[in-house]
């Protein structure tokens, strides 16, 4: 087990209503970072650090509600051991929020599973967990360029909030089947874009 870092700031659990809202994944990364007292680099590192653990202990092809209690308990125990940054949150509430947030965008987890289909060993897990020492700020420049090319830059935040928060996730999205693209775009732009705008984004994605 890696040494636990000293907790220098304690973040209280938000009110129940706000906590439930955060767990829906609709709050957006900027607001979540603010409430979790994180910068964008720490958010990205927490997200990337927990992914290999999720892939090892859960079946990302099923909704979170259909995961077994035993598997969820094993995941939480291992995550709190390996990602000591969670210790700064009252009742480790940030773990629950992040897990539910990631499962609202299971497409990203499914893509990660395709890249790493075999369960990771503890040594491999540890090498991937970098939550409290982020090394770089992820770039969403490819997404921005794509949207700018079709004069749809105003949808940038919608796609980033839905999970296309860096160049890697954008590349994976573009490599996915059309049915996956269609479902993702419709969900990301629901209530924001017209049907014509959604069709324009999908047409551009097919030509990309």
Protein backbone atom coordinates (compact mmCIF):
# COMPACT_ATOMS: atom_id res chain seq x y z
CA UNK A 1 0.00 0.00 0.00
CA UNK A 2 1.39 3.44 -0.86
CA UNK A 3 2.07 5.78 2.07
CA UNK A 4 -0.88 7.97 2.98
CA UNK A 5 -0.34 11.66 2.45
CA UNK A 6 -1.06 14.12 5.19
CA UNK A 7 -4.50 15.67 4.77
CA UNK A 8 -4.03 19.43 4.85
CA UNK A 9 -7.60 20.55 4.10
CA UNK A 10 -10.89 18.90 5.00
CA UNK A 11 -13.75 19.35 2.57
CA UNK A 12 -17.18 19.00 4.15
CA UNK A 13 -19.92 16.99 2.49
CA UNK A 14 -22.36 19.19 0.53
CA UNK A 15 -26.08 19.21 1.39
CA UNK A 16 -27.91 16.10 0.21
CA UNK A 17 -29.72 17.86 -2.65
CA UNK A 18 -26.50 19.34 -4.03
CA UNK A 19 -24.69 16.03 -3.63
CA UNK A 20 -27.41 14.25 -5.61
CA UNK A 21 -27.16 16.86 -8.34
CA UNK A 22 -23.39 16.45 -8.59
CA UNK A 23 -23.83 12.70 -8.96
CA UNK A 24 -25.97 13.18 -12.08
CA UNK A 25 -22.97 14.51 -13.98
CA UNK A 26 -24.94 17.59 -15.09
CA UNK A 27 -23.12 20.13 -12.95
CA UNK A 28 -20.17 20.45 -15.32
CA UNK A 29 -16.49 20.04 -14.57
CA UNK A 30 -15.87 23.67 -13.62
CA UNK A 31 -18.53 23.70 -10.91
CA UNK A 32 -17.55 20.27 -9.65
CA UNK A 33 -13.93 21.34 -9.35
CA UNK A 34 -15.02 24.37 -7.35
CA UNK A 35 -17.13 22.36 -4.91
CA UNK A 36 -14.48 19.65 -4.59
CA UNK A 37 -11.72 22.24 -4.06
CA UNK A 38 -9.74 20.92 -7.04
CA UNK A 39 -7.93 22.51 -9.93
CA UNK A 40 -8.39 21.07 -13.43
CA UNK A 41 -5.14 19.09 -13.24
CA UNK A 42 -6.18 17.40 -10.01
CA UNK A 43 -9.63 16.64 -11.44
CA UNK A 44 -8.08 15.04 -14.51
CA UNK A 45 -5.64 13.02 -12.42
CA UNK A 46 -8.35 11.77 -10.07
CA UNK A 47 -10.46 10.75 -13.04
CA UNK A 48 -7.62 8.95 -14.80
CA UNK A 49 -6.40 7.41 -11.54
CA UNK A 50 -9.71 5.75 -10.72
CA UNK A 51 -10.41 4.45 -14.24
CA UNK A 52 -8.09 1.39 -14.06
CA UNK A 53 -9.63 0.44 -10.71
CA UNK A 54 -13.15 0.70 -12.13
CA UNK A 55 -12.14 -1.47 -15.08
CA UNK A 56 -10.70 -4.09 -12.73
CA UNK A 57 -13.54 -4.33 -10.22
CA UNK A 58 -16.69 -3.38 -12.16
CA UNK A 59 -18.37 -4.32 -15.42
CA UNK A 60 -18.62 -1.06 -17.34
CA UNK A 61 -21.08 -2.60 -19.79
CA UNK A 62 -23.71 -2.47 -17.03
CA UNK A 63 -25.17 0.64 -15.33
CA UNK A 64 -23.84 1.47 -11.90
CA UNK A 65 -27.15 0.48 -10.29
CA UNK A 66 -26.67 -3.08 -11.58
CA UNK A 67 -23.19 -3.58 -10.12
CA UNK A 68 -22.94 -5.98 -7.19
CA UNK A 69 -22.57 -4.53 -3.69
CA UNK A 70 -19.51 -6.73 -3.14
CA UNK A 71 -17.75 -5.39 -6.25
CA UNK A 72 -18.58 -1.80 -5.32
CA UNK A 73 -17.23 -2.33 -1.82
CA UNK A 74 -13.99 -3.83 -3.17
CA UNK A 75 -13.58 -0.93 -5.58
CA UNK A 76 -14.09 1.69 -2.87
CA UNK A 77 -11.71 -0.03 -0.45
CA UNK A 78 -8.96 -0.26 -3.06
CA UNK A 79 -9.52 3.29 -4.34
CA UNK A 80 -9.29 4.79 -0.85
CA UNK A 81 -6.10 2.83 -0.23
CA UNK A 82 -4.39 3.84 -3.44
CA UNK A 83 -5.74 7.35 -4.03
CA UNK A 84 -5.16 9.02 -0.70
CA UNK A 85 -6.44 12.36 -1.99
CA UNK A 86 -9.96 11.08 -1.28
CA UNK A 87 -9.15 11.19 2.44
CA UNK A 88 -9.56 14.97 2.50
CA UNK A 89 -13.32 14.65 1.91
CA UNK A 90 -15.80 14.04 4.70
CA UNK A 91 -17.04 10.42 4.42
CA UNK A 92 -14.99 10.21 1.20
CA UNK A 93 -17.92 11.82 -0.62
CA UNK A 94 -15.77 12.79 -3.61
CA UNK A 95 -15.23 9.12 -4.45
CA UNK A 96 -18.98 8.50 -4.77
CA UNK A 97 -19.48 11.65 -6.85
CA UNK A 98 -16.64 10.84 -9.22
CA UNK A 99 -17.73 7.22 -9.64
CA UNK A 100 -21.30 8.21 -10.49
CA UNK A 101 -20.07 11.00 -12.76
CA UNK A 102 -17.94 8.55 -14.75
CA UNK A 103 -20.80 6.09 -15.06
CA UNK A 104 -23.02 8.77 -16.58
CA UNK A 105 -20.45 8.72 -19.41
CA UNK A 106 -19.93 4.97 -19.70
CA UNK A 107 -18.88 5.43 -23.30
CA UNK A 108 -15.52 6.76 -22.08
CA UNK A 109 -15.08 3.81 -19.71
CA UNK A 110 -15.99 1.34 -22.45
CA UNK A 111 -13.36 2.88 -24.71
CA UNK A 112 -10.79 2.61 -21.92
CA UNK A 113 -11.69 -1.05 -21.50
CA UNK A 114 -11.00 -1.68 -25.19
CA UNK A 115 -7.52 -0.23 -24.75
CA UNK A 116 -6.90 -2.33 -21.62
CA UNK A 117 -9.10 -5.46 -21.76
CA UNK A 118 -7.16 -7.47 -19.15
CA UNK A 119 -7.41 -6.74 -15.40
CA UNK A 120 -4.45 -4.78 -14.08
CA UNK A 121 -2.14 -6.12 -11.42
CA UNK A 122 -1.68 -4.11 -8.23
CA UNK A 123 1.71 -2.93 -9.55
CA UNK A 124 0.14 -1.72 -12.80
CA UNK A 125 -2.67 -0.01 -10.90
CA UNK A 126 -0.22 1.81 -8.69
CA UNK A 127 1.78 3.00 -11.69
CA UNK A 128 -1.37 4.58 -13.14
CA UNK A 129 -2.64 6.32 -10.01
CA UNK A 130 -1.27 9.88 -10.01
CA UNK A 131 -4.12 11.74 -8.32
CA UNK A 132 -2.18 14.06 -6.03
CA UNK A 133 0.76 14.70 -8.34
CA UNK A 134 -0.68 15.60 -11.74
CA UNK A 135 1.90 15.88 -14.51
CA UNK A 136 0.11 17.79 -17.25
CA UNK A 137 -3.07 19.65 -18.11
CA UNK A 138 -5.11 17.68 -20.67
CA UNK A 139 -5.81 19.52 -23.92
CA UNK A 140 -9.13 19.63 -25.75
CA UNK A 141 -7.62 21.42 -28.74
CA UNK A 142 -8.67 18.74 -31.26
CA UNK A 143 -12.31 19.03 -30.18
CA UNK A 144 -12.09 22.81 -30.34
CA UNK A 145 -10.62 22.73 -33.84
CA UNK A 146 -13.29 20.28 -35.02
CA UNK A 147 -16.15 22.43 -33.71
CA UNK A 148 -14.56 25.61 -35.03
CA UNK A 149 -14.36 24.05 -38.51
CA UNK A 150 -18.15 23.66 -38.57
CA UNK A 151 -18.85 26.93 -36.76
CA UNK A 152 -20.11 25.11 -33.66
CA UNK A 153 -17.62 26.31 -31.05
CA UNK A 154 -20.53 27.28 -28.81
CA UNK A 155 -21.07 23.55 -28.14
CA UNK A 156 -17.55 23.06 -26.76
CA UNK A 157 -18.62 23.06 -23.11
CA UNK A 158 -21.47 20.62 -23.82
CA UNK A 159 -19.08 18.05 -25.27
CA UNK A 160 -16.43 18.55 -22.60
CA UNK A 161 -19.06 18.15 -19.89
CA UNK A 162 -20.21 14.93 -21.56
CA UNK A 163 -16.73 13.44 -21.44
CA UNK A 164 -14.67 14.71 -24.40
CA UNK A 165 -12.37 16.63 -22.10
CA UNK A 166 -9.04 15.89 -23.79
CA UNK A 167 -7.53 14.95 -27.14
CA UNK A 168 -7.40 11.25 -26.27
CA UNK A 169 -11.12 10.96 -25.54
CA UNK A 170 -11.88 12.97 -28.71
CA UNK A 171 -9.74 10.58 -30.80
CA UNK A 172 -11.50 7.57 -29.27
CA UNK A 173 -14.88 9.16 -29.99
CA UNK A 174 -14.01 9.72 -33.64
CA UNK A 175 -12.90 6.08 -33.94
CA UNK A 176 -16.15 4.75 -32.52
CA UNK A 177 -19.03 3.31 -34.62
CA UNK A 178 -21.62 5.72 -35.99
CA UNK A 179 -24.33 4.45 -33.64
CA UNK A 180 -22.11 5.31 -30.68
CA UNK A 181 -21.33 8.74 -32.13
CA UNK A 182 -25.02 9.42 -32.72
CA UNK A 183 -26.08 8.45 -29.20
CA UNK A 184 -23.26 10.44 -27.63
CA UNK A 185 -23.88 13.61 -29.67
CA UNK A 186 -27.63 13.50 -29.05
CA UNK A 187 -27.09 13.08 -25.30
CA UNK A 188 -24.42 15.80 -25.13
CA UNK A 189 -26.51 18.35 -27.02
CA UNK A 190 -29.92 17.42 -25.61
CA UNK A 191 -31.93 20.57 -24.93
CA UNK A 192 -29.17 22.76 -26.40
CA UNK A 193 -29.01 22.12 -30.13
CA UNK A 194 -31.65 21.82 -32.82
CA UNK A 195 -32.08 18.64 -34.87
CA UNK A 196 -30.39 20.35 -37.82
CA UNK A 197 -27.40 21.30 -35.68
CA UNK A 198 -27.09 17.74 -34.35
CA UNK A 199 -27.23 16.37 -37.90
CA UNK A 200 -24.52 18.84 -38.96
CA UNK A 201 -22.20 17.71 -36.15
CA UNK A 202 -22.77 14.04 -37.01
CA UNK A 203 -22.17 14.66 -40.72
CA UNK A 204 -18.89 16.41 -39.91
CA UNK A 205 -17.89 13.57 -37.60
CA UNK A 206 -18.42 11.06 -40.42
CA UNK A 207 -16.20 13.13 -42.73
CA UNK A 208 -13.48 13.61 -40.09
